[in-house]
C-alpha atoms as a PDB file:
ATOM      1  CA  UNK A   1      36.984  66.501  36.878  1.00  0.00           C
ATOM      2  CA  UNK A   2      39.338  69.615  36.931  1.00  0.00           C
ATOM      3  CA  UNK A   3      37.538  72.901  35.985  1.00  0.00           C
ATOM      4  CA  UNK A   4      34.243  71.651  36.823  1.00  0.00           C
ATOM      5  CA  UNK A   5      32.317  71.894  40.224  1.00  0.00           C
ATOM      6  CA  UNK A   6      31.944  67.808  40.373  1.00  0.00           C
ATOM      7  CA  UNK A   7      34.243  65.835  42.396  1.00  0.00           C
ATOM      8  CA  UNK A   8      34.247  61.999  43.269  1.00  0.00           C
ATOM      9  CA  UNK A   9      33.892  60.416  46.971  1.00  0.00           C
ATOM     10  CA  UNK A  10      34.615  57.105  47.492  1.00  0.00           C
ATOM     11  CA  UNK A  11      33.962  54.951  50.780  1.00  0.00           C
ATOM     12  CA  UNK A  12      36.470  52.406  51.091  1.00  0.00           C
ATOM     13  CA  UNK A  13      36.505  49.333  53.498  1.00  0.00           C
ATOM     14  CA  UNK A  14      39.885  48.429  55.130  1.00  0.00           C
ATOM     15  CA  UNK A  15      41.167  45.103  56.228  1.00  0.00           C
ATOM     16  CA  UNK A  16      43.950  44.456  58.897  1.00  0.00           C
ATOM     17  CA  UNK A  17      44.566  40.870  57.171  1.00  0.00           C
ATOM     18  CA  UNK A  18      44.916  42.471  53.748  1.00  0.00           C
ATOM     19  CA  UNK A  19      46.010  45.886  53.862  1.00  0.00           C
ATOM     20  CA  UNK A  20      46.692  46.060  50.052  1.00  0.00           C
ATOM     21  CA  UNK A  21      43.269  45.784  49.304  1.00  0.00           C
ATOM     22  CA  UNK A  22      42.912  49.629  50.482  1.00  0.00           C
ATOM     23  CA  UNK A  23      45.494  50.698  48.045  1.00  0.00           C
ATOM     24  CA  UNK A  24      45.103  52.252  44.476  1.00  0.00           C
ATOM     25  CA  UNK A  25      43.300  55.725  44.779  1.00  0.00           C
ATOM     26  CA  UNK A  26      45.332  58.520  43.230  1.00  0.00           C
ATOM     27  CA  UNK A  27      44.222  61.867  41.642  1.00  0.00           C
ATOM     28  CA  UNK A  28      46.675  64.378  39.939  1.00  0.00           C
ATOM     29  CA  UNK A  29      44.259  67.073  40.805  1.00  0.00           C
ATOM     30  CA  UNK A  30      43.823  66.715  44.338  1.00  0.00           C
ATOM     31  CA  UNK A  31      43.265  64.133  47.194  1.00  0.00           C
ATOM     32  CA  UNK A  32      41.633  64.334  50.457  1.00  0.00           C
ATOM     33  CA  UNK A  33      41.629  61.288  52.802  1.00  0.00           C
ATOM     34  CA  UNK A  34      39.440  61.222  56.114  1.00  0.00           C
ATOM     35  CA  UNK A  35      39.971  58.655  58.913  1.00  0.00           C
ATOM     36  CA  UNK A  36      37.184  58.303  61.250  1.00  0.00           C
ATOM     37  CA  UNK A  37      37.472  56.662  64.808  1.00  0.00           C
ATOM     38  CA  UNK A  38      41.295  56.781  63.955  1.00  0.00           C
ATOM     39  CA  UNK A  39      42.416  55.451  67.114  1.00  0.00           C
ATOM     40  CA  UNK A  40      41.339  51.904  66.079  1.00  0.00           C
ATOM     41  CA  UNK A  41      42.835  52.031  62.580  1.00  0.00           C
ATOM     42  CA  UNK A  42      45.751  49.602  62.361  1.00  0.00           C
ATOM     43  CA  UNK A  43      49.184  51.042  61.312  1.00  0.00           C
ATOM     44  CA  UNK A  44      49.140  48.775  58.312  1.00  0.00           C
ATOM     45  CA  UNK A  45      46.244  50.673  56.819  1.00  0.00           C
ATOM     46  CA  UNK A  46      48.042  54.201  57.370  1.00  0.00           C
ATOM     47  CA  UNK A  47      51.034  53.203  55.709  1.00  0.00           C
ATOM     48  CA  UNK A  48      48.936  52.377  52.818  1.00  0.00           C
ATOM     49  CA  UNK A  49      46.904  55.476  53.101  1.00  0.00           C
ATOM     50  CA  UNK A  50      50.436  57.419  52.729  1.00  0.00           C
ATOM     51  CA  UNK A  51      50.644  55.949  49.376  1.00  0.00           C
ATOM     52  CA  UNK A  52      47.484  57.832  47.874  1.00  0.00           C
ATOM     53  CA  UNK A  53      49.456  61.517  48.222  1.00  0.00           C
ATOM     54  CA  UNK A  54      52.253  60.658  45.765  1.00  0.00           C
ATOM     55  CA  UNK A  55      50.893  63.177  43.121  1.00  0.00           C
ATOM     56  CA  UNK A  56      52.669  66.342  42.635  1.00  0.00           C
ATOM     57  CA  UNK A  57      49.870  68.738  43.735  1.00  0.00           C
ATOM     58  CA  UNK A  58      49.407  71.230  46.305  1.00  0.00           C
ATOM     59  CA  UNK A  59      45.802  69.975  47.158  1.00  0.00           C
ATOM     60  CA  UNK A  60      46.485  66.878  49.421  1.00  0.00           C
ATOM     61  CA  UNK A  61      44.902  66.553  52.406  1.00  0.00           C
ATOM     62  CA  UNK A  62      44.768  63.972  55.402  1.00  0.00           C
ATOM     63  CA  UNK A  63      42.403  64.435  58.076  1.00  0.00           C
ATOM     64  CA  UNK A  64      42.206  61.714  60.981  1.00  0.00           C
ATOM     65  CA  UNK A  65      39.484  62.110  64.047  1.00  0.00           C
ATOM     66  CA  UNK A  66      39.055  60.100  67.021  1.00  0.00           C
ATOM     67  CA  UNK A  67      38.393  59.691  70.535  1.00  0.00           C
ATOM     68  CA  UNK A  68      42.052  58.823  71.884  1.00  0.00           C
ATOM     69  CA  UNK A  69      41.056  55.389  73.037  1.00  0.00           C
ATOM     70  CA  UNK A  70      44.619  53.909  72.870  1.00  0.00           C
ATOM     71  CA  UNK A  71      48.128  54.707  74.176  1.00  0.00           C
ATOM     72  CA  UNK A  72      49.667  53.084  71.194  1.00  0.00           C
ATOM     73  CA  UNK A  73      49.167  52.921  67.279  1.00  0.00           C
ATOM     74  CA  UNK A  74      49.571  55.383  64.545  1.00  0.00           C
ATOM     75  CA  UNK A  75      47.031  58.060  65.870  1.00  0.00           C
ATOM     76  CA  UNK A  76      48.663  57.946  69.207  1.00  0.00           C
ATOM     77  CA  UNK A  77      51.929  58.840  67.525  1.00  0.00           C
ATOM     78  CA  UNK A  78      50.366  61.691  65.646  1.00  0.00           C
ATOM     79  CA  UNK A  79      50.484  63.527  69.124  1.00  0.00           C
ATOM     80  CA  UNK A  80      53.954  62.359  70.338  1.00  0.00           C
ATOM     81  CA  UNK A  81      56.474  60.661  68.130  1.00  0.00           C
ATOM     82  CA  UNK A  82      55.224  61.834  64.825  1.00  0.00           C
ATOM     83  CA  UNK A  83      54.061  65.245  66.122  1.00  0.00           C
ATOM     84  CA  UNK A  84      56.513  66.997  63.675  1.00  0.00           C
ATOM     85  CA  UNK A  85      54.679  65.820  60.884  1.00  0.00           C
ATOM     86  CA  UNK A  86      51.133  66.624  61.767  1.00  0.00           C
ATOM     87  CA  UNK A  87      49.036  69.627  62.601  1.00  0.00           C
ATOM     88  CA  UNK A  88      46.918  68.384  65.804  1.00  0.00           C
ATOM     89  CA  UNK A  89      44.105  69.604  67.663  1.00  0.00           C
ATOM     90  CA  UNK A  90      42.750  68.409  71.076  1.00  0.00           C
ATOM     91  CA  UNK A  91      38.887  69.206  71.352  1.00  0.00           C
ATOM     92  CA  UNK A  92      37.093  69.395  74.904  1.00  0.00           C
ATOM     93  CA  UNK A  93      33.553  67.661  73.970  1.00  0.00           C
ATOM     94  CA  UNK A  94      32.147  70.279  76.285  1.00  0.00           C
ATOM     95  CA  UNK A  95      33.157  73.286  73.899  1.00  0.00           C
ATOM     96  CA  UNK A  96      31.485  71.693  70.811  1.00  0.00           C
ATOM     97  CA  UNK A  97      28.305  73.148  69.708  1.00  0.00           C
ATOM     98  CA  UNK A  98      24.934  71.352  69.643  1.00  0.00           C
ATOM     99  CA  UNK A  99      26.148  68.761  72.157  1.00  0.00           C
ATOM    100  CA  UNK A 100      24.463  67.581  75.535  1.00  0.00           C
ATOM    101  CA  UNK A 101      26.820  68.948  78.190  1.00  0.00           C
ATOM    102  CA  UNK A 102      24.873  67.094  80.709  1.00  0.00           C
ATOM    103  CA  UNK A 103      25.925  63.925  79.391  1.00  0.00           C
ATOM    104  CA  UNK A 104      29.537  64.815  79.678  1.00  0.00           C
ATOM    105  CA  UNK A 105      29.179  66.272  83.323  1.00  0.00           C
ATOM    106  CA  UNK A 106      27.428  62.915  83.976  1.00  0.00           C
ATOM    107  CA  UNK A 107      30.941  61.070  82.760  1.00  0.00           C
ATOM    108  CA  UNK A 108      33.085  63.097  85.078  1.00  0.00           C
ATOM    109  CA  UNK A 109      30.711  62.544  88.029  1.00  0.00           C
ATOM    110  CA  UNK A 110      30.311  59.056  87.754  1.00  0.00           C
ATOM    111  CA  UNK A 111      34.015  58.074  86.979  1.00  0.00           C
ATOM    112  CA  UNK A 112      36.087  60.996  88.309  1.00  0.00           C
ATOM    113  CA  UNK A 113      37.498  64.080  86.610  1.00  0.00           C
ATOM    114  CA  UNK A 114      40.952  62.451  86.433  1.00  0.00           C
ATOM    115  CA  UNK A 115      39.625  58.989  85.214  1.00  0.00           C
ATOM    116  CA  UNK A 116      40.479  57.420  81.922  1.00  0.00           C
ATOM    117  CA  UNK A 117      36.750  57.640  80.595  1.00  0.00           C
ATOM    118  CA  UNK A 118      36.691  61.502  81.415  1.00  0.00           C
ATOM    119  CA  UNK A 119      39.916  62.078  79.545  1.00  0.00           C
ATOM    120  CA  UNK A 120      38.787  59.731  76.507  1.00  0.00           C
ATOM    121  CA  UNK A 121      35.116  60.753  76.183  1.00  0.00           C
ATOM    122  CA  UNK A 122      35.156  64.565  77.626  1.00  0.00           C
ATOM    123  CA  UNK A 123      38.661  66.000  77.340  1.00  0.00           C
ATOM    124  CA  UNK A 124      39.944  64.505  74.299  1.00  0.00           C
ATOM    125  CA  UNK A 125      42.949  63.384  76.060  1.00  0.00           C
ATOM    126  CA  UNK A 126      44.692  60.049  76.001  1.00  0.00           C
ATOM    127  CA  UNK A 127      44.380  57.738  78.865  1.00  0.00           C
ATOM    128  CA  UNK A 128      47.315  57.859  81.691  1.00  0.00           C
ATOM    129  CA  UNK A 129      49.800  55.428  81.041  1.00  0.00           C
ATOM    130  CA  UNK A 130      49.640  53.745  84.387  1.00  0.00           C
ATOM    131  CA  UNK A 131      51.273  53.531  87.727  1.00  0.00           C
ATOM    132  CA  UNK A 132      54.942  53.336  86.151  1.00  0.00           C
ATOM    133  CA  UNK A 133      54.355  56.893  84.939  1.00  0.00           C
ATOM    134  CA  UNK A 134      56.995  59.077  86.481  1.00  0.00           C
ATOM    135  CA  UNK A 135      55.209  62.571  86.410  1.00  0.00           C
ATOM    136  CA  UNK A 136      51.395  62.419  86.434  1.00  0.00           C
ATOM    137  CA  UNK A 137      49.358  64.602  84.147  1.00  0.00           C
ATOM    138  CA  UNK A 138      47.579  66.131  87.001  1.00  0.00           C
ATOM    139  CA  UNK A 139      50.881  67.544  88.517  1.00  0.00           C
ATOM    140  CA  UNK A 140      51.452  69.238  84.996  1.00  0.00           C
ATOM    141  CA  UNK A 141      48.076  70.655  84.470  1.00  0.00           C
ATOM    142  CA  UNK A 142      48.167  72.139  87.974  1.00  0.00           C
ATOM    143  CA  UNK A 143      51.518  73.996  87.171  1.00  0.00           C
ATOM    144  CA  UNK A 144      50.094  75.112  83.969  1.00  0.00           C
ATOM    145  CA  UNK A 145      47.156  76.817  85.675  1.00  0.00           C
ATOM    146  CA  UNK A 146      49.373  78.718  88.481  1.00  0.00           C
ATOM    147  CA  UNK A 147      50.344  82.291  87.542  1.00  0.00           C
ATOM    148  CA  UNK A 148      53.809  83.419  87.204  1.00  0.00           C
ATOM    149  CA  UNK A 149      55.433  84.255  90.629  1.00  0.00           C
ATOM    150  CA  UNK A 150      57.837  86.710  89.004  1.00  0.00           C
ATOM    151  CA  UNK A 151      60.485  86.550  91.654  1.00  0.00           C
ATOM    152  CA  UNK A 152      63.247  88.799  90.698  1.00  0.00           C
ATOM    153  CA  UNK A 153      65.941  87.541  93.267  1.00  0.00           C
ATOM    154  CA  UNK A 154      65.409  84.077  91.889  1.00  0.00           C
ATOM    155  CA  UNK A 155      68.676  82.957  89.722  1.00  0.00           C
ATOM    156  CA  UNK A 156      67.976  82.623  85.980  1.00  0.00           C
ATOM    157  CA  UNK A 157      69.263  79.202  84.552  1.00  0.00           C
ATOM    158  CA  UNK A 158      69.110  78.166  80.836  1.00  0.00           C
ATOM    159  CA  UNK A 159      68.797  74.605  79.972  1.00  0.00           C
ATOM    160  CA  UNK A 160      69.943  73.095  76.810  1.00  0.00           C
ATOM    161  CA  UNK A 161      68.825  69.632  75.208  1.00  0.00           C
ATOM    162  CA  UNK A 162      70.600  69.145  71.857  1.00  0.00           C
ATOM    163  CA  UNK A 163      69.021  67.332  69.275  1.00  0.00           C
ATOM    164  CA  UNK A 164      70.303  63.841  68.352  1.00  0.00           C
ATOM    165  CA  UNK A 165      68.830  63.994  64.874  1.00  0.00           C
ATOM    166  CA  UNK A 166      65.784  62.714  63.200  1.00  0.00           C
ATOM    167  CA  UNK A 167      62.593  64.163  64.529  1.00  0.00           C
ATOM    168  CA  UNK A 168      64.441  65.133  67.819  1.00  0.00           C
ATOM    169  CA  UNK A 169      64.497  69.135  68.309  1.00  0.00           C
ATOM    170  CA  UNK A 170      67.035  71.115  70.225  1.00  0.00           C
ATOM    171  CA  UNK A 171      65.301  72.781  72.901  1.00  0.00           C
ATOM    172  CA  UNK A 172      66.525  75.809  75.193  1.00  0.00           C
ATOM    173  CA  UNK A 173      64.523  76.556  78.192  1.00  0.00           C
ATOM    174  CA  UNK A 174      64.609  79.640  80.719  1.00  0.00           C
ATOM    175  CA  UNK A 175      63.844  78.872  84.139  1.00  0.00           C
ATOM    176  CA  UNK A 176      63.599  81.756  86.889  1.00  0.00           C
ATOM    177  CA  UNK A 177      62.696  80.212  90.367  1.00  0.00           C
ATOM    178  CA  UNK A 178      59.526  78.579  90.276  1.00  0.00           C
ATOM    179  CA  UNK A 179      58.775  80.114  86.699  1.00  0.00           C
ATOM    180  CA  UNK A 180      59.548  78.470  83.195  1.00  0.00           C
ATOM    181  CA  UNK A 181      59.957  81.597  81.519  1.00  0.00           C
ATOM    182  CA  UNK A 182      60.662  80.545  77.939  1.00  0.00           C
ATOM    183  CA  UNK A 183      60.773  77.451  75.726  1.00  0.00           C
ATOM    184  CA  UNK A 184      62.697  77.543  72.265  1.00  0.00           C
ATOM    185  CA  UNK A 185      62.695  74.726  70.047  1.00  0.00           C
ATOM    186  CA  UNK A 186      64.990  74.194  66.890  1.00  0.00           C
ATOM    187  CA  UNK A 187      64.700  71.550  64.374  1.00  0.00           C
ATOM    188  CA  UNK A 188      67.616  70.337  61.905  1.00  0.00           C
ATOM    189  CA  UNK A 189      70.207  72.838  62.739  1.00  0.00           C
ATOM    190  CA  UNK A 190      73.970  71.921  62.909  1.00  0.00           C
ATOM    191  CA  UNK A 191      76.302  72.551  65.860  1.00  0.00           C
ATOM    192  CA  UNK A 192      77.497  76.015  64.999  1.00  0.00           C
ATOM    193  CA  UNK A 193      73.728  77.272  64.543  1.00  0.00           C
ATOM    194  CA  UNK A 194      72.869  75.885  67.946  1.00  0.00           C
ATOM    195  CA  UNK A 195      76.008  77.611  69.666  1.00  0.00           C
ATOM    196  CA  UNK A 196      74.450  80.909  68.057  1.00  0.00           C
ATOM    197  CA  UNK A 197      70.915  80.180  69.413  1.00  0.00           C
ATOM    198  CA  UNK A 198      72.116  79.451  73.031  1.00  0.00           C
ATOM    199  CA  UNK A 199      74.326  82.659  72.880  1.00  0.00           C
ATOM    200  CA  UNK A 200      71.365  84.601  71.712  1.00  0.00           C
ATOM    201  CA  UNK A 201      69.317  83.279  74.873  1.00  0.00           C
ATOM    202  CA  UNK A 202      72.421  84.105  76.949  1.00  0.00           C
ATOM    203  CA  UNK A 203      72.442  87.566  75.872  1.00  0.00           C
ATOM    204  CA  UNK A 204      68.456  87.977  75.904  1.00  0.00           C
ATOM    205  CA  UNK A 205      68.020  86.514  79.438  1.00  0.00           C
ATOM    206  CA  UNK A 206      71.430  87.142  81.043  1.00  0.00           C
ATOM    207  CA  UNK A 207      71.286  83.722  83.089  1.00  0.00           C
ATOM    208  CA  UNK A 208      73.634  83.069  85.966  1.00  0.00           C
ATOM    209  CA  UNK A 209      74.298  79.666  84.675  1.00  0.00           C
ATOM    210  CA  UNK A 210      73.472  77.801  81.362  1.00  0.00           C
ATOM    211  CA  UNK A 211      73.824  73.831  81.793  1.00  0.00           C
ATOM    212  CA  UNK A 212      74.074  71.603  78.496  1.00  0.00           C
ATOM    213  CA  UNK A 213      73.269  68.061  78.299  1.00  0.00           C
ATOM    214  CA  UNK A 214      76.724  66.659  77.006  1.00  0.00           C
ATOM    215  CA  UNK A 215      75.278  63.792  75.108  1.00  0.00           C
ATOM    216  CA  UNK A 216      75.208  63.794  71.242  1.00  0.00           C
ATOM    217  CA  UNK A 217      75.962  67.412  70.132  1.00  0.00           C
ATOM    218  CA  UNK A 218      76.166  68.694  73.574  1.00  0.00           C
ATOM    219  CA  UNK A 219      80.090  68.458  74.164  1.00  0.00           C
ATOM    220  CA  UNK A 220      80.864  70.274  70.941  1.00  0.00           C
ATOM    221  CA  UNK A 221      78.246  73.270  71.888  1.00  0.00           C
ATOM    222  CA  UNK A 222      79.694  73.298  75.355  1.00  0.00           C
ATOM    223  CA  UNK A 223      83.189  73.284  74.284  1.00  0.00           C
ATOM    224  CA  UNK A 224      82.632  76.173  71.670  1.00  0.00           C
ATOM    225  CA  UNK A 225      80.614  78.223  74.332  1.00  0.00           C
ATOM    226  CA  UNK A 226      83.564  77.596  76.957  1.00  0.00           C
ATOM    227  CA  UNK A 227      86.104  78.773  74.193  1.00  0.00           C
ATOM    228  CA  UNK A 228      84.164  82.086  73.981  1.00  0.00           C
ATOM    229  CA  UNK A 229      84.176  82.302  78.150  1.00  0.00           C
ATOM    230  CA  UNK A 230      80.478  82.001  78.706  1.00  0.00           C
ATOM    231  CA  UNK A 231      79.473  80.758  81.831  1.00  0.00           C
ATOM    232  CA  UNK A 232      78.384  77.214  80.913  1.00  0.00           C
ATOM    233  CA  UNK A 233      78.613  73.836  82.327  1.00  0.00           C
ATOM    234  CA  UNK A 234      77.869  70.321  80.823  1.00  0.00           C
ATOM    235  CA  UNK A 235      75.852  67.334  82.569  1.00  0.00           C
ATOM    236  CA  UNK A 236      76.115  63.904  81.645  1.00  0.00           C
ATOM    237  CA  UNK A 237      72.955  61.822  82.321  1.00  0.00           C
ATOM    238  CA  UNK A 238      74.629  58.631  83.046  1.00  0.00           C
ATOM    239  CA  UNK A 239      76.502  59.980  85.877  1.00  0.00           C
ATOM    240  CA  UNK A 240      76.347  58.838  89.242  1.00  0.00           C
ATOM    241  CA  UNK A 241      73.394  60.779  91.292  1.00  0.00           C
ATOM    242  CA  UNK A 242      74.080  62.303  94.545  1.00  0.00           C
ATOM    243  CA  UNK A 243      71.971  59.672  96.339  1.00  0.00           C
ATOM    244  CA  UNK A 244      72.870  56.777  94.483  1.00  0.00           C
ATOM    245  CA  UNK A 245      70.823  54.361  96.457  1.00  0.00           C
ATOM    246  CA  UNK A 246      67.424  56.256  95.468  1.00  0.00           C
ATOM    247  CA  UNK A 247      68.466  57.134  91.999  1.00  0.00           C
ATOM    248  CA  UNK A 248      70.350  54.975  89.344  1.00  0.00           C
ATOM    249  CA  UNK A 249      71.876  57.895  87.594  1.00  0.00           C
ATOM    250  CA  UNK A 250      71.908  61.617  87.252  1.00  0.00           C
ATOM    251  CA  UNK A 251      68.838  61.795  84.683  1.00  0.00           C
ATOM    252  CA  UNK A 252      66.646  60.129  87.321  1.00  0.00           C
ATOM    253  CA  UNK A 253      67.821  62.377  89.981  1.00  0.00           C
ATOM    254  CA  UNK A 254      67.094  65.586  88.274  1.00  0.00           C
ATOM    255  CA  UNK A 255      63.841  64.566  86.913  1.00  0.00           C
ATOM    256  CA  UNK A 256      62.720  63.874  90.399  1.00  0.00           C
ATOM    257  CA  UNK A 257      63.968  67.357  91.509  1.00  0.00           C
ATOM    258  CA  UNK A 258      61.887  68.622  88.567  1.00  0.00           C
ATOM    259  CA  UNK A 259      58.946  66.530  89.844  1.00  0.00           C
ATOM    260  CA  UNK A 260      59.257  68.325  93.279  1.00  0.00           C
ATOM    261  CA  UNK A 261      59.390  71.655  91.768  1.00  0.00           C
ATOM    262  CA  UNK A 262      56.445  71.022  89.524  1.00  0.00           C
ATOM    263  CA  UNK A 263      54.279  71.006  92.769  1.00  0.00           C
ATOM    264  CA  UNK A 264      54.537  74.658  93.364  1.00  0.00           C
ATOM    265  CA  UNK A 265      55.789  75.792  89.874  1.00  0.00           C
ATOM    266  CA  UNK A 266      54.312  77.759  87.070  1.00  0.00           C
ATOM    267  CA  UNK A 267      54.834  76.488  83.419  1.00  0.00           C
ATOM    268  CA  UNK A 268      53.327  77.534  80.227  1.00  0.00           C
ATOM    269  CA  UNK A 269      50.166  75.884  78.755  1.00  0.00           C
ATOM    270  CA  UNK A 270      52.407  73.905  76.131  1.00  0.00           C
ATOM    271  CA  UNK A 271      51.071  70.588  74.887  1.00  0.00           C
ATOM    272  CA  UNK A 272      54.375  69.212  73.739  1.00  0.00           C
ATOM    273  CA  UNK A 273      55.797  70.252  77.139  1.00  0.00           C
ATOM    274  CA  UNK A 274      53.080  68.221  78.954  1.00  0.00           C
ATOM    275  CA  UNK A 275      53.360  65.255  76.722  1.00  0.00           C
ATOM    276  CA  UNK A 276      57.476  65.513  77.532  1.00  0.00           C
ATOM    277  CA  UNK A 277      56.894  65.498  81.120  1.00  0.00           C
ATOM    278  CA  UNK A 278      54.528  62.875  81.293  1.00  0.00           C
ATOM    279  CA  UNK A 279      56.046  60.468  78.946  1.00  0.00           C
ATOM    280  CA  UNK A 280      58.762  58.540  80.736  1.00  0.00           C
ATOM    281  CA  UNK A 281      57.892  55.906  82.825  1.00  0.00           C
ATOM    282  CA  UNK A 282      60.001  54.814  86.143  1.00  0.00           C
ATOM    283  CA  UNK A 283      61.950  51.748  86.145  1.00  0.00           C
ATOM    284  CA  UNK A 284      63.043  50.592  89.611  1.00  0.00           C
ATOM    285  CA  UNK A 285      65.440  47.646  89.732  1.00  0.00           C
ATOM    286  CA  UNK A 286      65.253  44.822  92.332  1.00  0.00           C
ATOM    287  CA  UNK A 287      66.718  46.863  95.054  1.00  0.00           C
ATOM    288  CA  UNK A 288      64.176  49.963  94.544  1.00  0.00           C
ATOM    289  CA  UNK A 289      66.703  52.355  92.735  1.00  0.00           C
ATOM    290  CA  UNK A 290      64.924  54.332  90.287  1.00  0.00           C
ATOM    291  CA  UNK A 291      65.755  54.761  86.645  1.00  0.00           C
ATOM    292  CA  UNK A 292      63.857  56.298  83.912  1.00  0.00           C
ATOM    293  CA  UNK A 293      63.376  54.584  80.470  1.00  0.00           C
ATOM    294  CA  UNK A 294      65.594  55.883  77.804  1.00  0.00           C
ATOM    295  CA  UNK A 295      64.686  57.663  74.627  1.00  0.00           C
ATOM    296  CA  UNK A 296      64.906  54.479  72.456  1.00  0.00           C
ATOM    297  CA  UNK A 297      62.467  52.591  74.750  1.00  0.00           C
ATOM    298  CA  UNK A 298      60.238  55.449  74.542  1.00  0.00           C
ATOM    299  CA  UNK A 299      60.104  55.588  70.737  1.00  0.00           C
ATOM    300  CA  UNK A 300      59.517  51.843  70.773  1.00  0.00           C
ATOM    301  CA  UNK A 301      56.361  52.570  72.852  1.00  0.00           C
ATOM    302  CA  UNK A 302      55.425  55.390  70.188  1.00  0.00           C
ATOM    303  CA  UNK A 303      56.549  58.272  72.321  1.00  0.00           C
ATOM    304  CA  UNK A 304      58.474  61.345  71.087  1.00  0.00           C
ATOM    305  CA  UNK A 305      62.086  61.989  72.648  1.00  0.00           C
ATOM    306  CA  UNK A 306      61.172  64.398  75.817  1.00  0.00           C
ATOM    307  CA  UNK A 307      63.334  67.073  74.535  1.00  0.00           C
ATOM    308  CA  UNK A 308      61.561  70.135  76.567  1.00  0.00           C
ATOM    309  CA  UNK A 309      61.814  68.092  79.938  1.00  0.00           C
ATOM    310  CA  UNK A 310      65.285  66.883  79.373  1.00  0.00           C
ATOM    311  CA  UNK A 311      66.189  70.679  78.855  1.00  0.00           C
ATOM    312  CA  UNK A 312      64.144  71.755  81.879  1.00  0.00           C
ATOM    313  CA  UNK A 313      65.625  69.062  84.209  1.00  0.00           C
ATOM    314  CA  UNK A 314      69.233  69.832  83.559  1.00  0.00           C
ATOM    315  CA  UNK A 315      68.337  73.466  85.128  1.00  0.00           C
ATOM    316  CA  UNK A 316      68.302  71.373  88.373  1.00  0.00           C
ATOM    317  CA  UNK A 317      71.556  69.719  87.995  1.00  0.00           C
ATOM    318  CA  UNK A 318      73.796  72.269  89.873  1.00  0.00           C
ATOM    319  CA  UNK A 319      73.084  74.492  92.954  1.00  0.00           C
ATOM    320  CA  UNK A 320      72.667  78.390  92.188  1.00  0.00           C
ATOM    321  CA  UNK A 321      72.483  81.105  94.658  1.00  0.00           C
ATOM    322  CA  UNK A 322      69.855  83.759  94.649  1.00  0.00           C
ATOM    323  CA  UNK A 323      70.853  87.089  93.079  1.00  0.00           C
ATOM    324  CA  UNK A 324      70.708  90.679  94.625  1.00  0.00           C
ATOM    325  CA  UNK A 325      67.968  92.667  93.164  1.00  0.00           C
ATOM    326  CA  UNK A 326      66.816  96.225  94.059  1.00  0.00           C
ATOM    327  CA  UNK A 327      63.667  98.294  92.500  1.00  0.00           C
ATOM    328  CA  UNK A 328      64.892 100.929  89.970  1.00  0.00           C
ATOM    329  CA  UNK A 329      65.581 104.050  91.958  1.00  0.00           C
ATOM    330  CA  UNK A 330      63.148 106.710  91.954  1.00  0.00           C
ATOM    331  CA  UNK A 331      63.604 110.755  92.576  1.00  0.00           C
ATOM    332  CA  UNK A 332      61.179 113.567  93.179  1.00  0.00           C
ATOM    333  CA  UNK A 333      61.371 116.463  91.235  1.00  0.00           C
ATOM    334  CA  UNK A 334      60.738 120.218  92.215  1.00  0.00           C
ATOM    335  CA  UNK A 335      56.806 119.648  91.586  1.00  0.00           C
ATOM    336  CA  UNK A 336      56.663 116.657  93.972  1.00  0.00           C
ATOM    337  CA  UNK A 337      56.033 113.963  91.308  1.00  0.00           C
ATOM    338  CA  UNK A 338      58.450 110.939  91.029  1.00  0.00           C
ATOM    339  CA  UNK A 339      60.482 110.444  88.145  1.00  0.00           C
ATOM    340  CA  UNK A 340      61.360 106.564  87.334  1.00  0.00           C
ATOM    341  CA  UNK A 341      65.214 106.407  86.313  1.00  0.00           C
ATOM    342  CA  UNK A 342      64.772 103.055  85.016  1.00  0.00           C
ATOM    343  CA  UNK A 343      65.264 102.687  81.060  1.00  0.00           C
ATOM    344  CA  UNK A 344      61.729 100.903  81.174  1.00  0.00           C
ATOM    345  CA  UNK A 345      60.282 104.013  82.294  1.00  0.00           C
ATOM    346  CA  UNK A 346      61.045 106.208  79.654  1.00  0.00           C
END
């Protein structure tokens, strides 16, 4: 009751065969719904649960906890296709107070550090998709652990993957050699606003080249930036690859270049980027030519559009030469100490 210290708590059973029996709970003063072992709760129950929150009150909370046992279902989508609508956390069981750490180390020792058992029971990660996964999680995790190279002679390239609407985001990435320098995400912005975002990135990072995915809104963005005389190029994912026997289109070829780059690259610790890089499956045809599954196919599996990974992959579309770089000049004053003439030394 509002204004008192007493609140009601109700445990409800659910049935996949009769999900409507789970409905009916409302409270104009506030509502909290808690799902435990959420990975095993059918999608139909999640759909009914959403109806609990129709009252116009700020006190509406929905918590879902689980070991991530399945690569499908609504709980999986909370970290992938529906990640824009949920605040998520991944908890390594070894960091939790009052747990027996030896049990988790035994799981790792028995099944292997990259096993599905270790991912599910210890790391709090969903199991690997399987042999058709184009970029494996270990490759990405290793790249996240490496320090930045900071090669100032390497060209700076900006990659842009414009949103196609819905839950997709426009992503702008900045890559310099083996370093992924920045990731910028923008949701629900129109073409001209995105043009302004790209210009901001160009002015900030002074790239040698900016590459834009021409699909969807991309062509309009490319056209506007070309009018303003920025050095930009467009790429169509469906174009023919340089090596058409190995790759069915330009997108598959760029992703392969990105995969090879990851073997020695340094990238930020970014969970969405990790999901994007490890999401797409490879689809070889009867002759062995590699294609990647499209965004619609990924959504059908409950995966989000790999916007950040696609933005990164376009930075491999064209060869770009290294740039000249010299250290800021230093001169000696009359007292024998050096003077840094760089603006950063002021």
